Amino acid sequence: MAMVSVQLGTRRKSGPSGPVDSAPVDSGPDARLSDLRPGTSGRITGIEESVEPSTARRLFDLGFAPGAEVTVLRRAPLGDPVVYQVVEYEIALRKEQAAGIRVRRTA
């Protein structure tokens, strides 16, 4: 499964307490997909290391790959799940799943 991490563009560094992400979660213009509001778009920059490898692979296979454009279409009445448009189709993800996907806002 190490190949999935390389394909998804994630980088890790080792720190005194073990592996740590190469960039802090709140740095730069990147955001979590779950933070985007309906009607906004973003370009996927990667999937976080905290996402289980099997889930990361499935998201990658569904089109949530670095460089893909994703648009938030609508939220369920209680806020979860959320419907996204990616690669010309719509897919619903739970907030927990969407929180592991990093995006750069485009609109």
Protein backbone atom coordinates (compact mmCIF):
# COMPACT_ATOMS: atom_id res chain seq x y z
CA MET A 1 0.00 0.00 0.00
CA ALA A 2 2.99 2.34 0.14
CA MET A 3 2.53 2.84 -3.61
CA VAL A 4 -0.86 4.50 -2.99
CA SER A 5 0.79 7.15 -0.78
CA VAL A 6 3.32 7.92 -3.49
CA GLN A 7 0.62 8.12 -6.19
CA LEU A 8 -1.48 10.43 -4.07
CA GLY A 9 1.41 12.84 -3.63
CA THR A 10 1.64 12.69 0.15
CA ARG A 11 4.93 13.44 1.86
CA ARG A 12 5.94 12.55 5.39
CA LYS A 13 8.80 13.57 7.66
CA SER A 14 9.87 11.91 10.85
CA GLY A 15 9.82 13.98 13.98
CA PRO A 16 10.66 13.21 17.61
CA SER A 17 7.21 11.71 18.18
CA GLY A 18 7.07 9.78 14.90
CA PRO A 19 5.88 10.67 11.41
CA VAL A 20 4.34 14.10 10.88
CA ASP A 21 2.79 15.76 7.81
CA SER A 22 5.25 17.86 5.83
CA ALA A 23 2.93 20.91 6.08
CA PRO A 24 0.68 22.01 8.94
CA VAL A 25 -3.02 21.38 8.39
CA ASP A 26 -3.99 25.07 8.39
CA SER A 27 -1.12 26.45 6.31
CA GLY A 28 -1.40 27.95 2.83
CA PRO A 29 -4.43 28.24 0.60
CA ASP A 30 -5.28 24.52 0.85
CA ALA A 31 -8.41 23.50 2.72
CA ARG A 32 -10.25 20.32 3.49
CA LEU A 33 -12.95 19.33 1.02
CA SER A 34 -15.41 19.15 3.92
CA ASP A 35 -14.83 22.89 4.61
CA LEU A 36 -16.07 24.04 1.20
CA ARG A 37 -19.58 25.48 0.96
CA PRO A 38 -22.18 24.46 -1.67
CA GLY A 39 -21.51 26.21 -4.96
CA THR A 40 -17.74 26.44 -4.46
CA SER A 41 -15.09 24.53 -6.36
CA GLY A 42 -11.57 23.40 -5.78
CA ARG A 43 -8.73 21.42 -7.29
CA ILE A 44 -7.63 18.38 -5.32
CA THR A 45 -4.06 18.64 -4.05
CA GLY A 46 -3.87 15.31 -2.20
CA ILE A 47 -5.27 12.89 0.32
CA GLU A 48 -4.02 13.12 3.90
CA GLU A 49 -1.93 10.34 5.44
CA SER A 50 -4.53 9.94 8.21
CA VAL A 51 -6.95 8.37 5.70
CA GLU A 52 -6.89 4.57 5.76
CA PRO A 53 -4.99 3.20 2.74
CA SER A 54 -8.01 1.23 1.50
CA THR A 55 -10.22 4.33 1.72
CA ALA A 56 -7.56 6.49 0.05
CA ARG A 57 -7.31 4.00 -2.80
CA ARG A 58 -11.10 3.91 -3.22
CA LEU A 59 -11.32 7.73 -3.28
CA PHE A 60 -8.50 7.79 -5.84
CA ASP A 61 -10.35 5.23 -7.99
CA LEU A 62 -13.55 7.32 -7.78
CA GLY A 63 -11.74 10.31 -9.25
CA PHE A 64 -10.64 12.17 -6.12
CA ALA A 65 -7.07 12.33 -7.44
CA PRO A 66 -4.61 15.23 -7.35
CA GLY A 67 -5.45 17.74 -10.07
CA ALA A 68 -9.12 16.79 -10.36
CA GLU A 69 -11.68 19.60 -10.19
CA VAL A 70 -14.42 19.08 -7.56
CA THR A 71 -17.56 21.17 -6.92
CA VAL A 72 -19.77 21.06 -3.84
CA LEU A 73 -23.35 20.67 -5.09
CA ARG A 74 -25.56 20.25 -2.03
CA ARG A 75 -25.73 19.08 1.58
CA ALA A 76 -28.26 16.78 3.21
CA PRO A 77 -30.72 18.52 5.56
CA LEU A 78 -28.64 17.66 8.63
CA GLY A 79 -25.35 18.52 6.87
CA ASP A 80 -24.10 15.00 6.20
CA PRO A 81 -23.56 13.53 3.60
CA VAL A 82 -22.57 16.11 0.97
CA VAL A 83 -22.90 15.67 -2.80
CA TYR A 84 -19.85 16.54 -4.89
CA GLN A 85 -19.34 16.66 -8.64
CA VAL A 86 -16.04 15.16 -9.75
CA VAL A 87 -15.04 13.80 -13.17
CA GLU A 88 -18.48 14.55 -14.68
CA TYR A 89 -20.49 12.60 -12.11
CA GLU A 90 -22.00 13.18 -8.69
CA ILE A 91 -20.97 11.33 -5.55
CA ALA A 92 -21.97 11.70 -1.90
CA LEU A 93 -19.33 11.54 0.82
CA ARG A 94 -19.57 11.70 4.58
CA LYS A 95 -17.84 14.64 6.28
CA GLU A 96 -15.30 12.23 7.76
CA GLN A 97 -14.28 11.02 4.29
CA ALA A 98 -14.24 14.51 2.75
CA ALA A 99 -12.10 15.86 5.62
CA GLY A 100 -9.18 13.71 4.44
CA ILE A 101 -9.13 15.28 0.96
CA ARG A 102 -7.08 18.48 0.55
CA VAL A 103 -8.18 21.04 -2.04
CA ARG A 104 -7.12 24.45 -3.30
CA ARG A 105 -10.16 26.70 -3.75
CA THR A 106 -10.83 27.88 -7.31
CA ALA A 107 -14.22 29.61 -7.02
